[in-house]
Amino acid sequence: MRVSSLARHLDPKYFEAILIDQVNHHQFQPLFYQVASARIEPSSISFPFRKIFQHKDHVQIRLAKVQDVDSEKGL
């Protein structure tokens, strides 16, 4: 399951999600070849995270690069 799919299906009563990524979009990679051969537009396979989660108050998006994960502190 992809992270964006997981975040969409989390029960907001129990979970809050913070998605951290350097880019603000998801690309549907199986169709890259059609974009490369000019059969479809790049915008047809690229979706902004903010649009995907616009109605999900329990999902926050941060445009950043993760530097470190401290599993002992849960951060």
PDB file of N, CA and C in Angstrom:
ATOM      1  N   MET A   1       0.849  -1.172   0.000  1.00  0.00           N
ATOM      2  CA  MET A   1       0.000   0.000   0.000  1.00  0.00           C
ATOM      3  C   MET A   1       0.897   1.238   0.000  1.00  0.00           C
ATOM      4  N   ARG A   2       0.598   2.170  -0.855  1.00  0.00           N
ATOM      5  CA  ARG A   2       1.369   3.409  -0.915  1.00  0.00           C
ATOM      6  C   ARG A   2       1.036   4.288   0.272  1.00  0.00           C
ATOM      7  N   VAL A   3       1.974   5.171   0.606  1.00  0.00           N
ATOM      8  CA  VAL A   3       1.793   6.049   1.759  1.00  0.00           C
ATOM      9  C   VAL A   3       0.557   6.912   1.596  1.00  0.00           C
ATOM     10  N   SER A   4       0.349   7.482   0.404  1.00  0.00           N
ATOM     11  CA  SER A   4      -0.820   8.337   0.204  1.00  0.00           C
ATOM     12  C   SER A   4      -2.110   7.546   0.345  1.00  0.00           C
ATOM     13  N   SER A   5      -2.123   6.300  -0.085  1.00  0.00           N
ATOM     14  CA  SER A   5      -3.301   5.449   0.066  1.00  0.00           C
ATOM     15  C   SER A   5      -3.534   5.125   1.537  1.00  0.00           C
ATOM     16  N   LEU A   6      -2.471   4.825   2.248  1.00  0.00           N
ATOM     17  CA  LEU A   6      -2.583   4.534   3.678  1.00  0.00           C
ATOM     18  C   LEU A   6      -3.138   5.741   4.421  1.00  0.00           C
ATOM     19  N   ALA A   7      -2.608   6.919   4.147  1.00  0.00           N
ATOM     20  CA  ALA A   7      -3.051   8.132   4.833  1.00  0.00           C
ATOM     21  C   ALA A   7      -4.520   8.417   4.559  1.00  0.00           C
ATOM     22  N   ARG A   8      -4.983   8.127   3.356  1.00  0.00           N
ATOM     23  CA  ARG A   8      -6.401   8.355   3.027  1.00  0.00           C
ATOM     24  C   ARG A   8      -7.328   7.438   3.802  1.00  0.00           C
ATOM     25  N   HIS A   9      -6.844   6.238   4.163  1.00  0.00           N
ATOM     26  CA  HIS A   9      -7.700   5.255   4.818  1.00  0.00           C
ATOM     27  C   HIS A   9      -7.569   5.207   6.330  1.00  0.00           C
ATOM     28  N   LEU A  10      -6.708   6.040   6.905  1.00  0.00           N
ATOM     29  CA  LEU A  10      -6.591   6.073   8.361  1.00  0.00           C
ATOM     30  C   LEU A  10      -7.861   6.658   8.969  1.00  0.00           C
ATOM     31  N   ASP A  11      -8.304   6.085  10.062  1.00  0.00           N
ATOM     32  CA  ASP A  11      -9.488   6.579  10.752  1.00  0.00           C
ATOM     33  C   ASP A  11      -9.125   7.864  11.489  1.00  0.00           C
ATOM     34  N   PRO A  12      -9.721   9.004  11.131  1.00  0.00           N
ATOM     35  CA  PRO A  12      -9.356  10.280  11.746  1.00  0.00           C
ATOM     36  C   PRO A  12      -9.659  10.343  13.244  1.00  0.00           C
ATOM     37  N   LYS A  13     -10.486   9.436  13.756  1.00  0.00           N
ATOM     38  CA  LYS A  13     -10.751   9.406  15.199  1.00  0.00           C
ATOM     39  C   LYS A  13      -9.526   8.938  15.975  1.00  0.00           C
ATOM     40  N   TYR A  14      -8.671   8.170  15.319  1.00  0.00           N
ATOM     41  CA  TYR A  14      -7.534   7.561  16.012  1.00  0.00           C
ATOM     42  C   TYR A  14      -6.163   8.027  15.519  1.00  0.00           C
ATOM     43  N   PHE A  15      -6.096   8.579  14.318  1.00  0.00           N
ATOM     44  CA  PHE A  15      -4.799   8.889  13.723  1.00  0.00           C
ATOM     45  C   PHE A  15      -4.760  10.279  13.115  1.00  0.00           C
ATOM     46  N   GLU A  16      -3.584  10.887  13.195  1.00  0.00           N
ATOM     47  CA  GLU A  16      -3.237  12.069  12.420  1.00  0.00           C
ATOM     48  C   GLU A  16      -2.002  11.700  11.621  1.00  0.00           C
ATOM     49  N   ALA A  17      -1.920  12.168  10.408  1.00  0.00           N
ATOM     50  CA  ALA A  17      -0.777  11.831   9.557  1.00  0.00           C
ATOM     51  C   ALA A  17      -0.104  13.103   9.082  1.00  0.00           C
ATOM     52  N   ILE A  18       1.213  13.067   9.055  1.00  0.00           N
ATOM     53  CA  ILE A  18       2.012  14.144   8.477  1.00  0.00           C
ATOM     54  C   ILE A  18       2.833  13.528   7.354  1.00  0.00           C
ATOM     55  N   LEU A  19       2.580  13.962   6.134  1.00  0.00           N
ATOM     56  CA  LEU A  19       3.336  13.491   4.979  1.00  0.00           C
ATOM     57  C   LEU A  19       4.471  14.474   4.722  1.00  0.00           C
ATOM     58  N   ILE A  20       5.683  13.959   4.671  1.00  0.00           N
ATOM     59  CA  ILE A  20       6.859  14.793   4.426  1.00  0.00           C
ATOM     60  C   ILE A  20       7.472  14.356   3.103  1.00  0.00           C
ATOM     61  N   ASP A  21       7.579  15.308   2.182  1.00  0.00           N
ATOM     62  CA  ASP A  21       8.164  15.005   0.878  1.00  0.00           C
ATOM     63  C   ASP A  21       8.784  16.274   0.327  1.00  0.00           C
ATOM     64  N   GLN A  22       9.728  16.120  -0.570  1.00  0.00           N
ATOM     65  CA  GLN A  22      10.380  17.266  -1.191  1.00  0.00           C
ATOM     66  C   GLN A  22       9.561  17.845  -2.338  1.00  0.00           C
ATOM     67  N   VAL A  23       8.644  17.079  -2.848  1.00  0.00           N
ATOM     68  CA  VAL A  23       7.809  17.546  -3.955  1.00  0.00           C
ATOM     69  C   VAL A  23       6.340  17.486  -3.529  1.00  0.00           C
ATOM     70  N   ASN A  24       5.516  18.285  -4.161  1.00  0.00           N
ATOM     71  CA  ASN A  24       4.111  18.355  -3.779  1.00  0.00           C
ATOM     72  C   ASN A  24       3.217  17.608  -4.768  1.00  0.00           C
ATOM     73  N   HIS A  25       3.669  16.464  -5.237  1.00  0.00           N
ATOM     74  CA  HIS A  25       2.815  15.744  -6.172  1.00  0.00           C
ATOM     75  C   HIS A  25       3.127  14.248  -6.153  1.00  0.00           C
ATOM     76  N   HIS A  26       2.148  13.512  -6.594  1.00  0.00           N
ATOM     77  CA  HIS A  26       2.287  12.066  -6.774  1.00  0.00           C
ATOM     78  C   HIS A  26       2.183  11.802  -8.272  1.00  0.00           C
ATOM     79  N   GLN A  27       3.023  10.921  -8.791  1.00  0.00           N
ATOM     80  CA  GLN A  27       2.974  10.586 -10.208  1.00  0.00           C
ATOM     81  C   GLN A  27       2.620   9.115 -10.369  1.00  0.00           C
ATOM     82  N   PHE A  28       1.722   8.843 -11.307  1.00  0.00           N
ATOM     83  CA  PHE A  28       1.330   7.474 -11.606  1.00  0.00           C
ATOM     84  C   PHE A  28       2.341   6.905 -12.600  1.00  0.00           C
ATOM     85  N   GLN A  29       3.355   6.235 -12.086  1.00  0.00           N
ATOM     86  CA  GLN A  29       4.502   5.808 -12.888  1.00  0.00           C
ATOM     87  C   GLN A  29       4.199   4.825 -14.013  1.00  0.00           C
ATOM     88  N   PRO A  30       3.204   3.945 -13.911  1.00  0.00           N
ATOM     89  CA  PRO A  30       2.971   3.021 -15.026  1.00  0.00           C
ATOM     90  C   PRO A  30       2.642   3.710 -16.360  1.00  0.00           C
ATOM     91  N   LEU A  31       2.276   4.977 -16.317  1.00  0.00           N
ATOM     92  CA  LEU A  31       1.942   5.674 -17.568  1.00  0.00           C
ATOM     93  C   LEU A  31       3.057   6.605 -18.060  1.00  0.00           C
ATOM     94  N   PHE A  32       4.252   6.546 -17.477  1.00  0.00           N
ATOM     95  CA  PHE A  32       5.360   7.386 -17.928  1.00  0.00           C
ATOM     96  C   PHE A  32       5.645   7.194 -19.415  1.00  0.00           C
ATOM     97  N   TYR A  33       5.563   5.968 -19.888  1.00  0.00           N
ATOM     98  CA  TYR A  33       5.874   5.710 -21.296  1.00  0.00           C
ATOM     99  C   TYR A  33       4.906   6.444 -22.219  1.00  0.00           C
ATOM    100  N   GLN A  34       3.650   6.618 -21.798  1.00  0.00           N
ATOM    101  CA  GLN A  34       2.696   7.337 -22.647  1.00  0.00           C
ATOM    102  C   GLN A  34       2.992   8.829 -22.670  1.00  0.00           C
ATOM    103  N   VAL A  35       3.489   9.353 -21.573  1.00  0.00           N
ATOM    104  CA  VAL A  35       3.910  10.757 -21.567  1.00  0.00           C
ATOM    105  C   VAL A  35       5.143  10.912 -22.459  1.00  0.00           C
ATOM    106  N   ALA A  36       6.095   9.986 -22.337  1.00  0.00           N
ATOM    107  CA  ALA A  36       7.320  10.050 -23.146  1.00  0.00           C
ATOM    108  C   ALA A  36       7.038   9.951 -24.635  1.00  0.00           C
ATOM    109  N   SER A  37       5.998   9.225 -25.012  1.00  0.00           N
ATOM    110  CA  SER A  37       5.663   9.090 -26.427  1.00  0.00           C
ATOM    111  C   SER A  37       4.614  10.111 -26.867  1.00  0.00           C
ATOM    112  N   ALA A  38       4.330  11.096 -26.014  1.00  0.00           N
ATOM    113  CA  ALA A  38       3.410  12.208 -26.305  1.00  0.00           C
ATOM    114  C   ALA A  38       1.972  11.756 -26.536  1.00  0.00           C
ATOM    115  N   ARG A  39       1.583  10.635 -25.964  1.00  0.00           N
ATOM    116  CA  ARG A  39       0.187  10.187 -26.093  1.00  0.00           C
ATOM    117  C   ARG A  39      -0.726  10.865 -25.081  1.00  0.00           C
ATOM    118  N   ILE A  40      -0.163  11.200 -23.907  1.00  0.00           N
ATOM    119  CA  ILE A  40      -0.945  11.922 -22.902  1.00  0.00           C
ATOM    120  C   ILE A  40      -0.090  13.044 -22.314  1.00  0.00           C
ATOM    121  N   GLU A  41      -0.739  14.000 -21.708  1.00  0.00           N
ATOM    122  CA  GLU A  41      -0.053  15.138 -21.089  1.00  0.00           C
ATOM    123  C   GLU A  41       0.495  14.736 -19.720  1.00  0.00           C
ATOM    124  N   PRO A  42       1.617  15.309 -19.312  1.00  0.00           N
ATOM    125  CA  PRO A  42       2.160  15.013 -17.979  1.00  0.00           C
ATOM    126  C   PRO A  42       1.170  15.299 -16.850  1.00  0.00           C
ATOM    127  N   SER A  43       0.328  16.297 -17.033  1.00  0.00           N
ATOM    128  CA  SER A  43      -0.650  16.624 -15.989  1.00  0.00           C
ATOM    129  C   SER A  43      -1.696  15.522 -15.799  1.00  0.00           C
ATOM    130  N   SER A  44      -1.780  14.603 -16.743  1.00  0.00           N
ATOM    131  CA  SER A  44      -2.732  13.495 -16.624  1.00  0.00           C
ATOM    132  C   SER A  44      -2.281  12.427 -15.637  1.00  0.00           C
ATOM    133  N   ILE A  45      -0.988  12.412 -15.318  1.00  0.00           N
ATOM    134  CA  ILE A  45      -0.492  11.382 -14.402  1.00  0.00           C
ATOM    135  C   ILE A  45       0.115  11.968 -13.130  1.00  0.00           C
ATOM    136  N   SER A  46       0.015  13.272 -12.957  1.00  0.00           N
ATOM    137  CA  SER A  46       0.586  13.940 -11.797  1.00  0.00           C
ATOM    138  C   SER A  46      -0.526  14.599 -10.992  1.00  0.00           C
ATOM    139  N   PHE A  47      -0.559  14.321  -9.693  1.00  0.00           N
ATOM    140  CA  PHE A  47      -1.618  14.828  -8.837  1.00  0.00           C
ATOM    141  C   PHE A  47      -1.018  15.491  -7.602  1.00  0.00           C
ATOM    142  N   PRO A  48      -1.357  16.752  -7.313  1.00  0.00           N
ATOM    143  CA  PRO A  48      -0.820  17.413  -6.133  1.00  0.00           C
ATOM    144  C   PRO A  48      -1.362  16.773  -4.848  1.00  0.00           C
ATOM    145  N   PHE A  49      -0.476  16.567  -3.871  1.00  0.00           N
ATOM    146  CA  PHE A  49      -0.898  15.995  -2.599  1.00  0.00           C
ATOM    147  C   PHE A  49      -1.975  16.841  -1.933  1.00  0.00           C
ATOM    148  N   ARG A  50      -1.848  18.153  -2.012  1.00  0.00           N
ATOM    149  CA  ARG A  50      -2.837  19.020  -1.363  1.00  0.00           C
ATOM    150  C   ARG A  50      -4.232  18.796  -1.936  1.00  0.00           C
ATOM    151  N   LYS A  51      -4.327  18.502  -3.210  1.00  0.00           N
ATOM    152  CA  LYS A  51      -5.618  18.219  -3.832  1.00  0.00           C
ATOM    153  C   LYS A  51      -6.153  16.859  -3.371  1.00  0.00           C
ATOM    154  N   ILE A  52      -5.264  15.871  -3.290  1.00  0.00           N
ATOM    155  CA  ILE A  52      -5.671  14.534  -2.873  1.00  0.00           C
ATOM    156  C   ILE A  52      -6.242  14.548  -1.453  1.00  0.00           C
ATOM    157  N   PHE A  53      -5.621  15.350  -0.573  1.00  0.00           N
ATOM    158  CA  PHE A  53      -6.010  15.352   0.843  1.00  0.00           C
ATOM    159  C   PHE A  53      -6.776  16.597   1.262  1.00  0.00           C
ATOM    160  N   GLN A  54      -7.371  17.311   0.323  1.00  0.00           N
ATOM    161  CA  GLN A  54      -8.029  18.573   0.657  1.00  0.00           C
ATOM    162  C   GLN A  54      -9.185  18.427   1.643  1.00  0.00           C
ATOM    163  N   HIS A  55      -9.831  17.303   1.694  1.00  0.00           N
ATOM    164  CA  HIS A  55     -10.959  17.106   2.613  1.00  0.00           C
ATOM    165  C   HIS A  55     -10.593  16.224   3.800  1.00  0.00           C
ATOM    166  N   LYS A  56      -9.317  15.984   3.992  1.00  0.00           N
ATOM    167  CA  LYS A  56      -8.838  15.148   5.091  1.00  0.00           C
ATOM    168  C   LYS A  56      -8.152  16.038   6.120  1.00  0.00           C
ATOM    169  N   ASP A  57      -8.884  16.447   7.146  1.00  0.00           N
ATOM    170  CA  ASP A  57      -8.333  17.336   8.158  1.00  0.00           C
ATOM    171  C   ASP A  57      -7.263  16.668   9.015  1.00  0.00           C
ATOM    172  N   HIS A  58      -7.242  15.347   9.035  1.00  0.00           N
ATOM    173  CA  HIS A  58      -6.264  14.636   9.860  1.00  0.00           C
ATOM    174  C   HIS A  58      -4.946  14.375   9.121  1.00  0.00           C
ATOM    175  N   VAL A  59      -4.816  14.885   7.896  1.00  0.00           N
ATOM    176  CA  VAL A  59      -3.588  14.715   7.119  1.00  0.00           C
ATOM    177  C   VAL A  59      -2.976  16.091   6.861  1.00  0.00           C
ATOM    178  N   GLN A  60      -1.720  16.239   7.268  1.00  0.00           N
ATOM    179  CA  GLN A  60      -0.977  17.470   7.018  1.00  0.00           C
ATOM    180  C   GLN A  60       0.169  17.149   6.071  1.00  0.00           C
ATOM    181  N   ILE A  61       0.538  18.118   5.261  1.00  0.00           N
ATOM    182  CA  ILE A  61       1.613  17.927   4.284  1.00  0.00           C
ATOM    183  C   ILE A  61       2.702  18.939   4.566  1.00  0.00           C
ATOM    184  N   ARG A  62       3.931  18.468   4.611  1.00  0.00           N
ATOM    185  CA  ARG A  62       5.089  19.326   4.808  1.00  0.00           C
ATOM    186  C   ARG A  62       6.059  19.100   3.657  1.00  0.00           C
ATOM    187  N   LEU A  63       6.412  20.186   2.985  1.00  0.00           N
ATOM    188  CA  LEU A  63       7.405  20.101   1.914  1.00  0.00           C
ATOM    189  C   LEU A  63       8.774  20.264   2.559  1.00  0.00           C
ATOM    190  N   ALA A  64       9.463  19.161   2.711  1.00  0.00           N
ATOM    191  CA  ALA A  64      10.756  19.159   3.401  1.00  0.00           C
ATOM    192  C   ALA A  64      11.503  17.876   3.073  1.00  0.00           C
ATOM    193  N   LYS A  65      12.713  17.796   3.566  1.00  0.00           N
ATOM    194  CA  LYS A  65      13.516  16.597   3.430  1.00  0.00           C
ATOM    195  C   LYS A  65      13.813  16.074   4.832  1.00  0.00           C
ATOM    196  N   VAL A  66      13.522  14.822   5.077  1.00  0.00           N
ATOM    197  CA  VAL A  66      13.778  14.222   6.377  1.00  0.00           C
ATOM    198  C   VAL A  66      15.288  14.069   6.550  1.00  0.00           C
ATOM    199  N   GLN A  67      15.806  14.617   7.628  1.00  0.00           N
ATOM    200  CA  GLN A  67      17.241  14.559   7.903  1.00  0.00           C
ATOM    201  C   GLN A  67      17.601  13.382   8.792  1.00  0.00           C
ATOM    202  N   ASP A  68      16.689  13.031   9.714  1.00  0.00           N
ATOM    203  CA  ASP A  68      17.010  12.000  10.697  1.00  0.00           C
ATOM    204  C   ASP A  68      15.705  11.469  11.301  1.00  0.00           C
ATOM    205  N   VAL A  69      15.737  10.243  11.729  1.00  0.00           N
ATOM    206  CA  VAL A  69      14.608   9.626  12.427  1.00  0.00           C
ATOM    207  C   VAL A  69      15.131   9.083  13.739  1.00  0.00           C
ATOM    208  N   ASP A  70      14.541   9.512  14.846  1.00  0.00           N
ATOM    209  CA  ASP A  70      14.942   9.035  16.164  1.00  0.00           C
ATOM    210  C   ASP A  70      13.860   8.076  16.665  1.00  0.00           C
ATOM    211  N   SER A  71      14.061   6.800  16.437  1.00  0.00           N
ATOM    212  CA  SER A  71      13.049   5.811  16.799  1.00  0.00           C
ATOM    213  C   SER A  71      12.901   5.651  18.311  1.00  0.00           C
ATOM    214  N   GLU A  72      13.905   6.021  19.057  1.00  0.00           N
ATOM    215  CA  GLU A  72      13.832   5.923  20.523  1.00  0.00           C
ATOM    216  C   GLU A  72      12.858   6.937  21.094  1.00  0.00           C
ATOM    217  N   LYS A  73      12.822   8.125  20.516  1.00  0.00           N
ATOM    218  CA  LYS A  73      11.914   9.181  20.970  1.00  0.00           C
ATOM    219  C   LYS A  73      10.581   9.129  20.246  1.00  0.00           C
ATOM    220  N   GLY A  74      10.484   8.307  19.227  1.00  0.00           N
ATOM    221  CA  GLY A  74       9.253   8.243  18.440  1.00  0.00           C
ATOM    222  C   GLY A  74       9.112   9.414  17.491  1.00  0.00           C
ATOM    223  N   LEU A  75      10.216  10.031  17.126  1.00  0.00           N
ATOM    224  CA  LEU A  75      10.182  11.192  16.219  1.00  0.00           C
ATOM    225  C   LEU A  75      10.858  10.857  14.913  1.00  0.00           C
TER     226      LEU A  75
END
